[in-house]
Amino acid sequence: MNDSYLERAIKQIEDPKILSILAAKRARELARGNRPLVRTEDREFVDIALLEIAEGLVVPEFADIEED
């Protein structure tokens, strides 16, 4: 895992649980054939996902919960 990508991604998403879930979800998408949103020489899906998060291209989406 690229530590510099991780450090940059943590600046975007401070909650480690949310960051790990988002990175894992995006890495799975990349493994299934989705194209990367960044240009990089890295081949590891987690590194690519972390770089995308660090660049602000992948962000968590939270469903709006309507209260009664």
C-alpha atoms as a PDB file:
ATOM      1  CA  MET A   1       0.000   0.000   0.000  1.00  0.00           C
ATOM      2  CA  ASN A   2       1.294   3.427  -0.934  1.00  0.00           C
ATOM      3  CA  ASP A   3       1.658   5.371   2.330  1.00  0.00           C
ATOM      4  CA  SER A   4       1.635   8.781   0.649  1.00  0.00           C
ATOM      5  CA  TYR A   5      -1.720   8.010  -1.006  1.00  0.00           C
ATOM      6  CA  LEU A   6      -3.070   6.861   2.354  1.00  0.00           C
ATOM      7  CA  GLU A   7      -1.919  10.037   4.109  1.00  0.00           C
ATOM      8  CA  ARG A   8      -3.503  12.192   1.409  1.00  0.00           C
ATOM      9  CA  ALA A   9      -6.745  10.185   1.523  1.00  0.00           C
ATOM     10  CA  ILE A  10      -6.940  10.582   5.318  1.00  0.00           C
ATOM     11  CA  LYS A  11      -6.916  14.343   4.818  1.00  0.00           C
ATOM     12  CA  GLN A  12     -10.039  13.975   2.651  1.00  0.00           C
ATOM     13  CA  ILE A  13     -11.857  11.433   4.853  1.00  0.00           C
ATOM     14  CA  GLU A  14     -10.779  11.494   8.480  1.00  0.00           C
ATOM     15  CA  ASP A  15     -12.929   8.617   9.732  1.00  0.00           C
ATOM     16  CA  PRO A  16     -10.844   5.446   9.246  1.00  0.00           C
ATOM     17  CA  LYS A  17     -13.899   3.187   9.039  1.00  0.00           C
ATOM     18  CA  ILE A  18     -15.487   5.214   6.252  1.00  0.00           C
ATOM     19  CA  LEU A  19     -12.152   5.487   4.436  1.00  0.00           C
ATOM     20  CA  SER A  20     -11.507   1.746   4.573  1.00  0.00           C
ATOM     21  CA  ILE A  21     -15.022   0.872   3.394  1.00  0.00           C
ATOM     22  CA  LEU A  22     -14.868   3.393   0.553  1.00  0.00           C
ATOM     23  CA  ALA A  23     -11.394   2.276  -0.565  1.00  0.00           C
ATOM     24  CA  ALA A  24     -12.403  -1.400  -0.461  1.00  0.00           C
ATOM     25  CA  LYS A  25     -15.599  -0.745  -2.402  1.00  0.00           C
ATOM     26  CA  ARG A  26     -13.760   1.244  -5.075  1.00  0.00           C
ATOM     27  CA  ALA A  27     -10.963  -1.355  -5.274  1.00  0.00           C
ATOM     28  CA  ARG A  28     -13.600  -4.054  -5.923  1.00  0.00           C
ATOM     29  CA  GLU A  29     -15.097  -1.919  -8.693  1.00  0.00           C
ATOM     30  CA  LEU A  30     -11.656  -1.549 -10.278  1.00  0.00           C
ATOM     31  CA  ALA A  31     -11.026  -5.291  -9.970  1.00  0.00           C
ATOM     32  CA  ARG A  32     -14.293  -5.934 -11.810  1.00  0.00           C
ATOM     33  CA  GLY A  33     -13.128  -3.824 -14.737  1.00  0.00           C
ATOM     34  CA  ASN A  34     -14.143  -0.243 -13.982  1.00  0.00           C
ATOM     35  CA  ARG A  35     -11.693   2.251 -15.393  1.00  0.00           C
ATOM     36  CA  PRO A  36      -9.517   4.299 -13.022  1.00  0.00           C
ATOM     37  CA  LEU A  37     -10.385   7.972 -12.652  1.00  0.00           C
ATOM     38  CA  VAL A  38      -6.680   8.916 -12.410  1.00  0.00           C
ATOM     39  CA  ARG A  39      -3.591   8.221 -14.457  1.00  0.00           C
ATOM     40  CA  THR A  40      -1.014   6.263 -12.511  1.00  0.00           C
ATOM     41  CA  GLU A  41       1.595   3.578 -12.998  1.00  0.00           C
ATOM     42  CA  ASP A  42       0.289   1.728  -9.929  1.00  0.00           C
ATOM     43  CA  ARG A  43      -1.266  -1.653 -10.585  1.00  0.00           C
ATOM     44  CA  GLU A  44      -2.673  -2.302  -7.112  1.00  0.00           C
ATOM     45  CA  PHE A  45      -6.396  -1.594  -6.976  1.00  0.00           C
ATOM     46  CA  VAL A  46      -6.271  -0.319  -3.384  1.00  0.00           C
ATOM     47  CA  ASP A  47      -3.541   2.175  -4.275  1.00  0.00           C
ATOM     48  CA  ILE A  48      -5.544   3.445  -7.230  1.00  0.00           C
ATOM     49  CA  ALA A  49      -8.652   3.739  -5.048  1.00  0.00           C
ATOM     50  CA  LEU A  50      -6.734   5.666  -2.374  1.00  0.00           C
ATOM     51  CA  LEU A  51      -5.323   8.043  -4.989  1.00  0.00           C
ATOM     52  CA  GLU A  52      -8.818   8.650  -6.372  1.00  0.00           C
ATOM     53  CA  ILE A  53     -10.051   9.422  -2.854  1.00  0.00           C
ATOM     54  CA  ALA A  54      -7.060  11.682  -2.187  1.00  0.00           C
ATOM     55  CA  GLU A  55      -7.804  13.625  -5.378  1.00  0.00           C
ATOM     56  CA  GLY A  56     -11.442  14.055  -4.309  1.00  0.00           C
ATOM     57  CA  LEU A  57     -12.769  12.022  -7.236  1.00  0.00           C
ATOM     58  CA  VAL A  58     -14.363   9.346  -5.064  1.00  0.00           C
ATOM     59  CA  VAL A  59     -16.403  10.515  -2.091  1.00  0.00           C
ATOM     60  CA  PRO A  60     -18.749   8.722   0.301  1.00  0.00           C
ATOM     61  CA  GLU A  61     -22.452   9.044  -0.363  1.00  0.00           C
ATOM     62  CA  PHE A  62     -24.854   8.931   2.520  1.00  0.00           C
ATOM     63  CA  ALA A  63     -28.520   8.251   1.984  1.00  0.00           C
ATOM     64  CA  ASP A  64     -30.819  10.916   3.330  1.00  0.00           C
ATOM     65  CA  ILE A  65     -32.826   9.452   6.166  1.00  0.00           C
ATOM     66  CA  GLU A  66     -36.219  11.021   6.471  1.00  0.00           C
ATOM     67  CA  GLU A  67     -37.426  11.354  10.030  1.00  0.00           C
ATOM     68  CA  ASP A  68     -41.121  10.917  10.860  1.00  0.00           C
END
